[in-house]
Amino acid sequence: MVALYLAISLVVGYLLGSINFARIFTWWIARKDITKEGSKNPGTMNILRTRGLGEAFLTLAFDALKVGAPALAAYFVFGRFFGGYADLAYFVVAFAGIFGHCFPIYYKFHGGKGVASTFGMFLFNPHLWWLSLVMFVLCFVLFFFLQYGFIISHIFIVVMSLYASFFFGINRIMWFWIIITLLWLNFIMVVVKHRGNFKRFFEGTENKVDFKERVFGKLMKKKKNNVASGGEGQQEEQSASTQSAADNEQPADKKKLVGEKAGGEGADEKADVVNENALQSTQNETANDADKVVETAKKQGAQKKSASQKGQTKRTSTNTNKSKSPTKEVALDSKKGKKTK
């Protein structure tokens, strides 16, 4: 009877584990197929490289949940109804879920590599959850110094598998040898799924993850923008203070500068007025010069007229004298005739 329930739990765990949240979230958020992006692996690490930290964390959480939650439910159910089978049921369901993640029936058995699902198996276990959190934090910090994610993932799985093996072996948990076997079968499966990563690593072509850029990239960009805007603000404040100091020292220059900047149109109008005044003065001078020329011409004309009048008077007097001289001659001749008689 227990074997039947274990078999049913194993099938349920496999079917739930076959749900690939990397595919679901990538298509739901960006309408993209994650199997055609980056390393083409539908897993958390490829999501981190291609989609960013937010979607990667979402995928990690749901991949861990789909394995850990059913296993924890089996732990409590079997613990209540079948006594010492609780731990065995937990790891049977968890291993089935990880196997479903790696070889999902819904996607023609092409799935992820089992790291996030294995994290869920350790995280939800009542005996191992605290060490899982500690190791998760340590691995998170290690990501800032080591850019090969698959190495950090294997460090996490090795440490947790070793601790779990010693814990269940020393405490002689019922069916502990099956539990330890499942733990290391899971480790071997994860290593096999990462065989391409190991090959590329030894060839020097393995993809790196710039975790600092993924985590703090946007924050650093915002900080740079804020610094740049703050520097501009400081420069403006300095220029404003310098300008105010200069204005206090030279108020006349300040007024002149303000007048030049703010009253550009007024300056143009003033220039137009000055030009009009200059033109009008020039026209007045020209008119005055013309009047002088006319007066001079009039004077010269009057002088010429007076000179001509004088000449005419002289000629008239001369002609008068000439007309009087024959008369005198006739008179003289008459006097001479009288004397001769």
C-alpha atoms as a PDB file:
ATOM      1  CA  MET A   1       0.000   0.000   0.000  1.00  0.00           C
ATOM      2  CA  VAL A   2       2.816   2.454   0.861  1.00  0.00           C
ATOM      3  CA  ALA A   3       4.587   1.598  -2.387  1.00  0.00           C
ATOM      4  CA  LEU A   4       1.446   2.479  -4.350  1.00  0.00           C
ATOM      5  CA  TYR A   5       1.167   5.857  -2.711  1.00  0.00           C
ATOM      6  CA  LEU A   6       4.878   6.437  -3.266  1.00  0.00           C
ATOM      7  CA  ALA A   7       4.435   5.593  -6.946  1.00  0.00           C
ATOM      8  CA  ILE A   8       1.507   7.996  -7.263  1.00  0.00           C
ATOM      9  CA  SER A   9       3.505  10.697  -5.489  1.00  0.00           C
ATOM     10  CA  LEU A  10       6.432  10.066  -7.839  1.00  0.00           C
ATOM     11  CA  VAL A  11       4.231  10.526 -10.938  1.00  0.00           C
ATOM     12  CA  VAL A  12       2.655  13.713  -9.540  1.00  0.00           C
ATOM     13  CA  GLY A  13       6.091  15.095  -8.693  1.00  0.00           C
ATOM     14  CA  TYR A  14       7.355  14.333 -12.216  1.00  0.00           C
ATOM     15  CA  LEU A  15       4.379  16.006 -13.911  1.00  0.00           C
ATOM     16  CA  LEU A  16       4.698  19.126 -11.769  1.00  0.00           C
ATOM     17  CA  GLY A  17       8.461  19.230 -12.279  1.00  0.00           C
ATOM     18  CA  SER A  18       7.979  19.077 -16.064  1.00  0.00           C
ATOM     19  CA  ILE A  19       6.443  22.562 -16.023  1.00  0.00           C
ATOM     20  CA  ASN A  20       9.173  24.855 -17.327  1.00  0.00           C
ATOM     21  CA  PHE A  21       8.764  28.338 -15.902  1.00  0.00           C
ATOM     22  CA  ALA A  22      11.712  29.721 -17.878  1.00  0.00           C
ATOM     23  CA  ARG A  23       9.773  29.136 -21.093  1.00  0.00           C
ATOM     24  CA  ILE A  24       6.532  30.404 -19.583  1.00  0.00           C
ATOM     25  CA  PHE A  25       7.886  33.667 -18.161  1.00  0.00           C
ATOM     26  CA  THR A  26      10.002  34.508 -21.213  1.00  0.00           C
ATOM     27  CA  TRP A  27       7.052  34.053 -23.525  1.00  0.00           C
ATOM     28  CA  TRP A  28       4.633  35.765 -21.172  1.00  0.00           C
ATOM     29  CA  ILE A  29       6.832  38.836 -20.564  1.00  0.00           C
ATOM     30  CA  ALA A  30       8.733  39.255 -23.835  1.00  0.00           C
ATOM     31  CA  ARG A  31       6.999  36.928 -26.324  1.00  0.00           C
ATOM     32  CA  LYS A  32      10.308  35.151 -26.901  1.00  0.00           C
ATOM     33  CA  ASP A  33      11.419  31.513 -26.894  1.00  0.00           C
ATOM     34  CA  ILE A  34      14.214  31.055 -24.363  1.00  0.00           C
ATOM     35  CA  THR A  35      15.430  27.957 -26.212  1.00  0.00           C
ATOM     36  CA  LYS A  36      16.472  30.294 -29.048  1.00  0.00           C
ATOM     37  CA  GLU A  37      18.226  32.832 -26.829  1.00  0.00           C
ATOM     38  CA  GLY A  38      21.744  32.733 -25.367  1.00  0.00           C
ATOM     39  CA  SER A  39      22.849  29.200 -24.545  1.00  0.00           C
ATOM     40  CA  LYS A  40      19.353  27.943 -25.551  1.00  0.00           C
ATOM     41  CA  ASN A  41      18.948  26.292 -22.149  1.00  0.00           C
ATOM     42  CA  PRO A  42      15.509  26.864 -20.560  1.00  0.00           C
ATOM     43  CA  GLY A  43      16.925  27.544 -17.118  1.00  0.00           C
ATOM     44  CA  THR A  44      17.639  30.252 -14.584  1.00  0.00           C
ATOM     45  CA  MET A  45      21.227  30.968 -15.627  1.00  0.00           C
ATOM     46  CA  ASN A  46      20.339  31.529 -19.262  1.00  0.00           C
ATOM     47  CA  ILE A  47      17.495  33.786 -18.156  1.00  0.00           C
ATOM     48  CA  LEU A  48      20.005  35.779 -16.097  1.00  0.00           C
ATOM     49  CA  ARG A  49      22.298  36.246 -19.101  1.00  0.00           C
ATOM     50  CA  THR A  50      19.635  37.126 -21.639  1.00  0.00           C
ATOM     51  CA  ARG A  51      16.711  38.606 -19.719  1.00  0.00           C
ATOM     52  CA  GLY A  52      18.130  40.094 -16.530  1.00  0.00           C
ATOM     53  CA  LEU A  53      18.052  39.622 -12.773  1.00  0.00           C
ATOM     54  CA  GLY A  54      14.321  40.134 -12.268  1.00  0.00           C
ATOM     55  CA  GLU A  55      13.141  37.362 -14.569  1.00  0.00           C
ATOM     56  CA  ALA A  56      15.989  35.116 -13.376  1.00  0.00           C
ATOM     57  CA  PHE A  57      14.908  35.469  -9.740  1.00  0.00           C
ATOM     58  CA  LEU A  58      11.282  34.817 -10.726  1.00  0.00           C
ATOM     59  CA  THR A  59      12.289  31.660 -12.584  1.00  0.00           C
ATOM     60  CA  LEU A  60      14.478  30.488  -9.698  1.00  0.00           C
ATOM     61  CA  ALA A  61      11.645  30.961  -7.208  1.00  0.00           C
ATOM     62  CA  PHE A  62       9.049  29.036  -9.207  1.00  0.00           C
ATOM     63  CA  ASP A  63      11.439  26.243 -10.236  1.00  0.00           C
ATOM     64  CA  ALA A  64      12.304  25.752  -6.576  1.00  0.00           C
ATOM     65  CA  LEU A  65       8.657  25.943  -5.565  1.00  0.00           C
ATOM     66  CA  LYS A  66       7.423  23.345  -8.075  1.00  0.00           C
ATOM     67  CA  VAL A  67       9.804  20.765  -6.542  1.00  0.00           C
ATOM     68  CA  GLY A  68       9.907  21.757  -2.883  1.00  0.00           C
ATOM     69  CA  ALA A  69       6.209  22.371  -2.270  1.00  0.00           C
ATOM     70  CA  PRO A  70       4.920  18.939  -3.481  1.00  0.00           C
ATOM     71  CA  ALA A  71       7.785  17.192  -1.655  1.00  0.00           C
ATOM     72  CA  LEU A  72       6.936  19.009   1.568  1.00  0.00           C
ATOM     73  CA  ALA A  73       3.275  18.099   1.174  1.00  0.00           C
ATOM     74  CA  ALA A  74       4.257  14.422   0.743  1.00  0.00           C
ATOM     75  CA  TYR A  75       6.472  14.689   3.848  1.00  0.00           C
ATOM     76  CA  PHE A  76       3.547  15.761   6.053  1.00  0.00           C
ATOM     77  CA  VAL A  77       1.008  13.375   4.500  1.00  0.00           C
ATOM     78  CA  PHE A  78       3.242  10.313   4.779  1.00  0.00           C
ATOM     79  CA  GLY A  79       4.441  11.394   8.209  1.00  0.00           C
ATOM     80  CA  ARG A  80       0.882  11.443   9.478  1.00  0.00           C
ATOM     81  CA  PHE A  81      -0.453   8.269   7.859  1.00  0.00           C
ATOM     82  CA  PHE A  82       2.657   6.105   7.372  1.00  0.00           C
ATOM     83  CA  GLY A  83       4.981   7.043  10.209  1.00  0.00           C
ATOM     84  CA  GLY A  84       8.656   6.657   9.240  1.00  0.00           C
ATOM     85  CA  TYR A  85       8.174   7.093   5.475  1.00  0.00           C
ATOM     86  CA  ALA A  86       8.027  10.883   5.626  1.00  0.00           C
ATOM     87  CA  ASP A  87      11.682  11.568   4.674  1.00  0.00           C
ATOM     88  CA  LEU A  88      11.676   8.870   2.005  1.00  0.00           C
ATOM     89  CA  ALA A  89       8.473  10.265   0.451  1.00  0.00           C
ATOM     90  CA  TYR A  90       9.973  13.758   0.496  1.00  0.00           C
ATOM     91  CA  PHE A  91      13.071  12.824  -1.504  1.00  0.00           C
ATOM     92  CA  VAL A  92      11.182  10.493  -3.861  1.00  0.00           C
ATOM     93  CA  VAL A  93       8.815  13.305  -4.865  1.00  0.00           C
ATOM     94  CA  ALA A  94      11.653  15.860  -4.979  1.00  0.00           C
ATOM     95  CA  PHE A  95      13.874  13.679  -7.163  1.00  0.00           C
ATOM     96  CA  ALA A  96      10.941  12.993  -9.495  1.00  0.00           C
ATOM     97  CA  GLY A  97      10.353  16.746  -9.804  1.00  0.00           C
ATOM     98  CA  ILE A  98      14.014  17.457 -10.643  1.00  0.00           C
ATOM     99  CA  PHE A  99      13.998  14.626 -13.185  1.00  0.00           C
ATOM    100  CA  GLY A 100      10.870  16.137 -14.736  1.00  0.00           C
ATOM    101  CA  HIS A 101      12.571  19.519 -14.934  1.00  0.00           C
ATOM    102  CA  CYS A 102      15.556  18.012 -16.761  1.00  0.00           C
ATOM    103  CA  PHE A 103      13.466  15.744 -19.014  1.00  0.00           C
ATOM    104  CA  PRO A 104       9.963  17.262 -19.242  1.00  0.00           C
ATOM    105  CA  ILE A 105       7.259  15.287 -20.964  1.00  0.00           C
ATOM    106  CA  TYR A 106       5.580  18.504 -22.132  1.00  0.00           C
ATOM    107  CA  TYR A 107       8.598  19.673 -24.154  1.00  0.00           C
ATOM    108  CA  LYS A 108       9.808  16.438 -25.761  1.00  0.00           C
ATOM    109  CA  PHE A 109      12.140  15.790 -22.789  1.00  0.00           C
ATOM    110  CA  HIS A 110      14.204  18.904 -23.509  1.00  0.00           C
ATOM    111  CA  GLY A 111      14.429  20.764 -20.221  1.00  0.00           C
ATOM    112  CA  GLY A 112      16.758  22.623 -17.881  1.00  0.00           C
ATOM    113  CA  LYS A 113      19.786  21.438 -15.948  1.00  0.00           C
ATOM    114  CA  GLY A 114      18.224  20.951 -12.513  1.00  0.00           C
ATOM    115  CA  VAL A 115      20.096  23.502 -10.391  1.00  0.00           C
ATOM    116  CA  ALA A 116      17.151  25.685  -9.343  1.00  0.00           C
ATOM    117  CA  SER A 117      15.023  22.575  -8.763  1.00  0.00           C
ATOM    118  CA  THR A 118      17.731  21.036  -6.591  1.00  0.00           C
ATOM    119  CA  PHE A 119      17.849  24.261  -4.596  1.00  0.00           C
ATOM    120  CA  GLY A 120      14.109  23.830  -3.973  1.00  0.00           C
ATOM    121  CA  MET A 121      14.646  20.250  -2.785  1.00  0.00           C
ATOM    122  CA  PHE A 122      17.097  21.395  -0.102  1.00  0.00           C
ATOM    123  CA  LEU A 123      15.309  24.645   0.760  1.00  0.00           C
ATOM    124  CA  PHE A 124      11.928  23.075   1.629  1.00  0.00           C
ATOM    125  CA  ASN A 125      13.346  20.147   3.604  1.00  0.00           C
ATOM    126  CA  PRO A 126      12.604  20.503   7.351  1.00  0.00           C
ATOM    127  CA  HIS A 127      16.133  19.327   8.270  1.00  0.00           C
ATOM    128  CA  LEU A 128      18.168  21.245   5.646  1.00  0.00           C
ATOM    129  CA  TRP A 129      16.421  24.548   5.042  1.00  0.00           C
ATOM    130  CA  TRP A 130      18.692  26.638   7.307  1.00  0.00           C
ATOM    131  CA  LEU A 131      21.901  25.434   5.633  1.00  0.00           C
ATOM    132  CA  SER A 132      20.302  25.993   2.236  1.00  0.00           C
ATOM    133  CA  LEU A 133      19.751  29.659   3.063  1.00  0.00           C
ATOM    134  CA  VAL A 134      23.309  30.041   4.367  1.00  0.00           C
ATOM    135  CA  MET A 135      24.755  28.437   1.247  1.00  0.00           C
ATOM    136  CA  PHE A 136      22.508  30.514  -0.981  1.00  0.00           C
ATOM    137  CA  VAL A 137      23.834  33.740   0.558  1.00  0.00           C
ATOM    138  CA  LEU A 138      27.439  32.538   0.289  1.00  0.00           C
ATOM    139  CA  CYS A 139      26.971  31.548  -3.346  1.00  0.00           C
ATOM    140  CA  PHE A 140      25.289  34.863  -4.069  1.00  0.00           C
ATOM    141  CA  VAL A 141      28.359  36.675  -2.731  1.00  0.00           C
ATOM    142  CA  LEU A 142      30.644  34.296  -4.611  1.00  0.00           C
ATOM    143  CA  PHE A 143      28.957  35.320  -7.859  1.00  0.00           C
ATOM    144  CA  PHE A 144      30.624  38.725  -7.564  1.00  0.00           C
ATOM    145  CA  PHE A 145      34.089  37.135  -7.707  1.00  0.00           C
ATOM    146  CA  LEU A 146      33.560  34.088  -9.929  1.00  0.00           C
ATOM    147  CA  GLN A 147      31.833  34.605 -13.258  1.00  0.00           C
ATOM    148  CA  TYR A 148      31.170  30.927 -14.000  1.00  0.00           C
ATOM    149  CA  GLY A 149      27.707  30.205 -12.683  1.00  0.00           C
ATOM    150  CA  PHE A 150      27.765  26.430 -13.203  1.00  0.00           C
ATOM    151  CA  ILE A 151      30.806  26.068 -10.909  1.00  0.00           C
ATOM    152  CA  ILE A 152      29.053  27.937  -8.096  1.00  0.00           C
ATOM    153  CA  SER A 153      25.942  25.812  -8.639  1.00  0.00           C
ATOM    154  CA  HIS A 154      27.947  22.602  -8.293  1.00  0.00           C
ATOM    155  CA  ILE A 155      29.624  23.901  -5.148  1.00  0.00           C
ATOM    156  CA  PHE A 156      26.180  24.435  -3.630  1.00  0.00           C
ATOM    157  CA  ILE A 157      24.931  20.957  -4.619  1.00  0.00           C
ATOM    158  CA  VAL A 158      28.080  19.145  -3.439  1.00  0.00           C
ATOM    159  CA  VAL A 159      28.085  20.851  -0.025  1.00  0.00           C
ATOM    160  CA  MET A 160      24.372  20.246   0.533  1.00  0.00           C
ATOM    161  CA  SER A 161      24.529  16.607  -0.642  1.00  0.00           C
ATOM    162  CA  LEU A 162      27.485  15.869   1.626  1.00  0.00           C
ATOM    163  CA  TYR A 163      25.801  17.419   4.638  1.00  0.00           C
ATOM    164  CA  ALA A 164      22.495  15.629   3.949  1.00  0.00           C
ATOM    165  CA  SER A 165      24.273  12.287   3.507  1.00  0.00           C
ATOM    166  CA  PHE A 166      26.053  12.646   6.847  1.00  0.00           C
ATOM    167  CA  PHE A 167      22.924  13.906   8.574  1.00  0.00           C
ATOM    168  CA  PHE A 168      20.657  11.044   7.465  1.00  0.00           C
ATOM    169  CA  GLY A 169      23.399   8.440   7.807  1.00  0.00           C
ATOM    170  CA  ILE A 170      24.460   9.427  11.329  1.00  0.00           C
ATOM    171  CA  ASN A 171      20.886   9.761  12.591  1.00  0.00           C
ATOM    172  CA  ARG A 172      19.908   6.466  11.020  1.00  0.00           C
ATOM    173  CA  ILE A 173      16.830   7.916   9.442  1.00  0.00           C
ATOM    174  CA  MET A 174      14.524   5.161   8.131  1.00  0.00           C
ATOM    175  CA  TRP A 175      15.403   4.237   4.571  1.00  0.00           C
ATOM    176  CA  PHE A 176      18.440   6.547   4.768  1.00  0.00           C
ATOM    177  CA  TRP A 177      20.425   4.526   2.224  1.00  0.00           C
ATOM    178  CA  ILE A 178      17.713   5.119  -0.405  1.00  0.00           C
ATOM    179  CA  ILE A 179      17.695   8.826   0.452  1.00  0.00           C
ATOM    180  CA  ILE A 180      21.508   9.053   0.103  1.00  0.00           C
ATOM    181  CA  THR A 181      21.338   7.177  -3.201  1.00  0.00           C
ATOM    182  CA  LEU A 182      18.729   9.608  -4.540  1.00  0.00           C
ATOM    183  CA  LEU A 183      20.881  12.568  -3.449  1.00  0.00           C
ATOM    184  CA  TRP A 184      23.926  11.412  -5.392  1.00  0.00           C
ATOM    185  CA  LEU A 185      21.915  10.221  -8.385  1.00  0.00           C
ATOM    186  CA  ASN A 186      20.589  13.747  -8.535  1.00  0.00           C
ATOM    187  CA  PHE A 187      24.138  15.144  -8.374  1.00  0.00           C
ATOM    188  CA  ILE A 188      25.268  12.863 -11.219  1.00  0.00           C
ATOM    189  CA  MET A 189      22.263  13.911 -13.318  1.00  0.00           C
ATOM    190  CA  VAL A 190      23.094  17.599 -12.825  1.00  0.00           C
ATOM    191  CA  VAL A 191      26.741  17.011 -13.771  1.00  0.00           C
ATOM    192  CA  VAL A 192      25.703  15.146 -16.935  1.00  0.00           C
ATOM    193  CA  LYS A 193      23.388  18.004 -17.910  1.00  0.00           C
ATOM    194  CA  HIS A 194      26.354  20.388 -17.494  1.00  0.00           C
ATOM    195  CA  ARG A 195      28.829  18.336 -19.514  1.00  0.00           C
ATOM    196  CA  GLY A 196      28.820  20.995 -22.261  1.00  0.00           C
ATOM    197  CA  ASN A 197      29.703  23.675 -19.705  1.00  0.00           C
ATOM    198  CA  PHE A 198      32.669  21.656 -18.433  1.00  0.00           C
ATOM    199  CA  LYS A 199      33.878  21.094 -21.971  1.00  0.00           C
ATOM    200  CA  ARG A 200      33.703  24.782 -22.849  1.00  0.00           C
ATOM    201  CA  PHE A 201      35.329  25.692 -19.539  1.00  0.00           C
ATOM    202  CA  PHE A 202      38.412  23.569 -20.239  1.00  0.00           C
ATOM    203  CA  GLU A 203      38.500  24.921 -23.793  1.00  0.00           C
ATOM    204  CA  GLY A 204      38.319  28.498 -22.490  1.00  0.00           C
ATOM    205  CA  THR A 205      35.084  29.328 -24.326  1.00  0.00           C
ATOM    206  CA  GLU A 206      32.548  29.052 -21.488  1.00  0.00           C
ATOM    207  CA  ASN A 207      30.052  31.904 -21.193  1.00  0.00           C
ATOM    208  CA  LYS A 208      30.665  34.243 -18.292  1.00  0.00           C
ATOM    209  CA  VAL A 209      28.084  36.078 -16.227  1.00  0.00           C
ATOM    210  CA  ASP A 210      28.912  39.663 -15.232  1.00  0.00           C
ATOM    211  CA  PHE A 211      26.905  39.465 -12.025  1.00  0.00           C
ATOM    212  CA  LYS A 212      27.859  42.971 -10.887  1.00  0.00           C
ATOM    213  CA  GLU A 213      26.501  44.438 -14.083  1.00  0.00           C
ATOM    214  CA  ARG A 214      23.322  42.365 -13.827  1.00  0.00           C
ATOM    215  CA  VAL A 215      22.659  43.322 -10.219  1.00  0.00           C
ATOM    216  CA  PHE A 216      23.984  46.875  -9.982  1.00  0.00           C
ATOM    217  CA  GLY A 217      24.115  47.949 -13.631  1.00  0.00           C
ATOM    218  CA  LYS A 218      21.007  50.109 -13.561  1.00  0.00           C
ATOM    219  CA  LEU A 219      21.830  51.491 -10.124  1.00  0.00           C
ATOM    220  CA  MET A 220      25.324  52.476 -11.282  1.00  0.00           C
ATOM    221  CA  LYS A 221      23.905  54.157 -14.390  1.00  0.00           C
ATOM    222  CA  LYS A 222      21.419  56.084 -12.287  1.00  0.00           C
ATOM    223  CA  LYS A 223      24.198  57.083  -9.889  1.00  0.00           C
ATOM    224  CA  LYS A 224      26.365  58.302 -12.768  1.00  0.00           C
ATOM    225  CA  ASN A 225      23.475  60.303 -14.159  1.00  0.00           C
ATOM    226  CA  ASN A 226      22.789  61.797 -10.743  1.00  0.00           C
ATOM    227  CA  VAL A 227      26.461  62.667 -10.287  1.00  0.00           C
ATOM    228  CA  ALA A 228      26.564  64.254 -13.714  1.00  0.00           C
ATOM    229  CA  SER A 229      23.407  66.264 -13.062  1.00  0.00           C
ATOM    230  CA  GLY A 230      24.718  67.192  -9.596  1.00  0.00           C
ATOM    231  CA  GLY A 231      27.991  68.383 -11.105  1.00  0.00           C
ATOM    232  CA  GLU A 232      26.118  70.534 -13.567  1.00  0.00           C
ATOM    233  CA  GLY A 233      24.026  71.923 -10.723  1.00  0.00           C
ATOM    234  CA  GLN A 234      27.156  72.735  -8.737  1.00  0.00           C
ATOM    235  CA  GLN A 235      28.694  74.426 -11.759  1.00  0.00           C
ATOM    236  CA  GLU A 236      25.552  76.474 -12.223  1.00  0.00           C
ATOM    237  CA  GLU A 237      25.560  77.410  -8.535  1.00  0.00           C
ATOM    238  CA  GLN A 238      29.234  78.368  -8.709  1.00  0.00           C
ATOM    239  CA  SER A 239      28.666  80.428 -11.806  1.00  0.00           C
ATOM    240  CA  ALA A 240      25.649  82.070 -10.173  1.00  0.00           C
ATOM    241  CA  SER A 241      27.644  82.886  -7.035  1.00  0.00           C
ATOM    242  CA  THR A 242      30.532  84.202  -9.121  1.00  0.00           C
ATOM    243  CA  GLN A 243      28.133  86.302 -11.127  1.00  0.00           C
ATOM    244  CA  SER A 244      26.500  87.714  -7.994  1.00  0.00           C
ATOM    245  CA  ALA A 245      29.906  88.580  -6.534  1.00  0.00           C
ATOM    246  CA  ALA A 246      30.895  90.304  -9.732  1.00  0.00           C
ATOM    247  CA  ASP A 247      27.575  92.123  -9.763  1.00  0.00           C
ATOM    248  CA  ASN A 248      28.122  93.329  -6.212  1.00  0.00           C
ATOM    249  CA  GLU A 249      31.570  94.626  -7.093  1.00  0.00           C
ATOM    250  CA  GLN A 250      30.533  96.243 -10.353  1.00  0.00           C
ATOM    251  CA  PRO A 251      26.849  97.197 -10.260  1.00  0.00           C
ATOM    252  CA  ALA A 252      27.209  99.425 -13.297  1.00  0.00           C
ATOM    253  CA  ASP A 253      28.670  96.598 -15.327  1.00  0.00           C
ATOM    254  CA  LYS A 254      25.920  94.323 -14.039  1.00  0.00           C
ATOM    255  CA  LYS A 255      23.266  96.746 -15.183  1.00  0.00           C
ATOM    256  CA  LYS A 256      25.008  97.068 -18.491  1.00  0.00           C
ATOM    257  CA  LEU A 257      25.303  93.277 -18.838  1.00  0.00           C
ATOM    258  CA  VAL A 258      21.693  92.724 -17.815  1.00  0.00           C
ATOM    259  CA  GLY A 259      20.653  95.441 -20.206  1.00  0.00           C
ATOM    260  CA  GLU A 260      22.614  93.811 -22.989  1.00  0.00           C
ATOM    261  CA  LYS A 261      21.182  90.335 -22.257  1.00  0.00           C
ATOM    262  CA  ALA A 262      17.621  91.146 -21.299  1.00  0.00           C
ATOM    263  CA  GLY A 263      17.186  94.244 -23.419  1.00  0.00           C
ATOM    264  CA  GLY A 264      18.539  93.147 -26.733  1.00  0.00           C
ATOM    265  CA  GLU A 265      15.514  94.484 -28.500  1.00  0.00           C
ATOM    266  CA  GLY A 266      15.705  97.735 -26.546  1.00  0.00           C
ATOM    267  CA  ALA A 267      19.333  98.110 -27.569  1.00  0.00           C
ATOM    268  CA  ASP A 268      18.355  97.578 -31.187  1.00  0.00           C
ATOM    269  CA  GLU A 269      15.624 100.185 -30.865  1.00  0.00           C
ATOM    270  CA  LYS A 270      18.085 102.615 -29.300  1.00  0.00           C
ATOM    271  CA  ALA A 271      20.528 101.956 -32.112  1.00  0.00           C
ATOM    272  CA  ASP A 272      17.761 102.652 -34.635  1.00  0.00           C
ATOM    273  CA  VAL A 273      16.906 105.912 -32.875  1.00  0.00           C
ATOM    274  CA  VAL A 274      20.571 106.954 -32.869  1.00  0.00           C
ATOM    275  CA  ASN A 275      20.846 106.109 -36.552  1.00  0.00           C
ATOM    276  CA  GLU A 276      17.710 108.111 -37.325  1.00  0.00           C
ATOM    277  CA  ASN A 277      19.049 111.078 -35.363  1.00  0.00           C
ATOM    278  CA  ALA A 278      22.387 110.834 -37.163  1.00  0.00           C
ATOM    279  CA  LEU A 279      20.605 110.646 -40.520  1.00  0.00           C
ATOM    280  CA  GLN A 280      18.382 113.591 -39.641  1.00  0.00           C
ATOM    281  CA  SER A 281      21.387 115.649 -38.530  1.00  0.00           C
ATOM    282  CA  THR A 282      23.145 114.749 -41.758  1.00  0.00           C
ATOM    283  CA  GLN A 283      20.100 115.813 -43.750  1.00  0.00           C
ATOM    284  CA  ASN A 284      19.927 119.075 -41.799  1.00  0.00           C
ATOM    285  CA  GLU A 285      23.600 119.745 -42.464  1.00  0.00           C
ATOM    286  CA  THR A 286      23.064 119.010 -46.136  1.00  0.00           C
ATOM    287  CA  ALA A 287      20.091 121.373 -46.239  1.00  0.00           C
ATOM    288  CA  ASN A 288      22.114 124.066 -44.520  1.00  0.00           C
ATOM    289  CA  ASP A 289      24.917 123.585 -47.008  1.00  0.00           C
ATOM    290  CA  ALA A 290      22.425 123.859 -49.855  1.00  0.00           C
ATOM    291  CA  ASP A 291      20.989 127.057 -48.386  1.00  0.00           C
ATOM    292  CA  LYS A 292      24.475 128.494 -48.106  1.00  0.00           C
ATOM    293  CA  VAL A 293      25.184 127.609 -51.712  1.00  0.00           C
ATOM    294  CA  VAL A 294      21.920 129.269 -52.815  1.00  0.00           C
ATOM    295  CA  GLU A 295      22.686 132.402 -50.806  1.00  0.00           C
ATOM    296  CA  THR A 296      26.180 132.512 -52.260  1.00  0.00           C
ATOM    297  CA  ALA A 297      24.767 132.123 -55.748  1.00  0.00           C
ATOM    298  CA  LYS A 298      22.276 134.900 -55.083  1.00  0.00           C
ATOM    299  CA  LYS A 299      25.033 137.207 -53.835  1.00  0.00           C
ATOM    300  CA  GLN A 300      27.149 136.444 -56.852  1.00  0.00           C
ATOM    301  CA  GLY A 301      24.149 137.073 -59.112  1.00  0.00           C
ATOM    302  CA  ALA A 302      23.427 140.377 -57.388  1.00  0.00           C
ATOM    303  CA  GLN A 303      27.066 141.405 -57.726  1.00  0.00           C
ATOM    304  CA  LYS A 304      27.060 140.531 -61.404  1.00  0.00           C
ATOM    305  CA  LYS A 305      23.791 142.428 -61.911  1.00  0.00           C
ATOM    306  CA  SER A 306      25.137 145.490 -60.145  1.00  0.00           C
ATOM    307  CA  ALA A 307      28.333 145.308 -62.194  1.00  0.00           C
ATOM    308  CA  SER A 308      26.354 145.071 -65.437  1.00  0.00           C
ATOM    309  CA  GLN A 309      24.192 147.996 -64.407  1.00  0.00           C
ATOM    310  CA  LYS A 310      27.293 150.084 -63.737  1.00  0.00           C
ATOM    311  CA  GLY A 311      28.683 149.157 -67.152  1.00  0.00           C
ATOM    312  CA  GLN A 312      25.455 150.154 -68.831  1.00  0.00           C
ATOM    313  CA  THR A 313      25.501 153.473 -66.999  1.00  0.00           C
ATOM    314  CA  LYS A 314      29.049 154.159 -68.177  1.00  0.00           C
ATOM    315  CA  ARG A 315      28.146 153.283 -71.739  1.00  0.00           C
ATOM    316  CA  THR A 316      25.092 155.532 -71.628  1.00  0.00           C
ATOM    317  CA  SER A 317      27.114 158.445 -70.353  1.00  0.00           C
ATOM    318  CA  THR A 318      29.711 157.898 -73.032  1.00  0.00           C
ATOM    319  CA  ASN A 319      27.100 157.847 -75.758  1.00  0.00           C
ATOM    320  CA  THR A 320      25.593 161.058 -74.369  1.00  0.00           C
ATOM    321  CA  ASN A 321      28.955 162.762 -74.474  1.00  0.00           C
ATOM    322  CA  LYS A 322      29.452 161.662 -78.039  1.00  0.00           C
ATOM    323  CA  SER A 323      26.080 163.024 -79.089  1.00  0.00           C
ATOM    324  CA  LYS A 324      26.869 166.401 -77.528  1.00  0.00           C
ATOM    325  CA  SER A 325      30.252 166.763 -79.323  1.00  0.00           C
ATOM    326  CA  PRO A 326      28.818 167.198 -82.919  1.00  0.00           C
ATOM    327  CA  THR A 327      26.506 169.854 -81.676  1.00  0.00           C
ATOM    328  CA  LYS A 328      29.471 171.647 -80.252  1.00  0.00           C
ATOM    329  CA  GLU A 329      31.295 171.293 -83.554  1.00  0.00           C
ATOM    330  CA  VAL A 330      28.317 172.701 -85.501  1.00  0.00           C
ATOM    331  CA  ALA A 331      28.192 175.633 -83.134  1.00  0.00           C
ATOM    332  CA  LEU A 332      31.889 176.278 -83.580  1.00  0.00           C
ATOM    333  CA  ASP A 333      31.535 176.083 -87.334  1.00  0.00           C
ATOM    334  CA  SER A 334      28.674 178.558 -87.263  1.00  0.00           C
ATOM    335  CA  LYS A 335      30.731 180.925 -85.146  1.00  0.00           C
ATOM    336  CA  LYS A 336      33.596 180.634 -87.558  1.00  0.00           C
ATOM    337  CA  GLY A 337      31.254 181.447 -90.548  1.00  0.00           C
ATOM    338  CA  LYS A 338      29.969 184.518 -88.899  1.00  0.00           C
ATOM    339  CA  LYS A 339      33.436 185.719 -88.266  1.00  0.00           C
ATOM    340  CA  THR A 340      34.425 185.187 -91.920  1.00  0.00           C
ATOM    341  CA  LYS A 341      31.509 187.187 -93.181  1.00  0.00           C
END
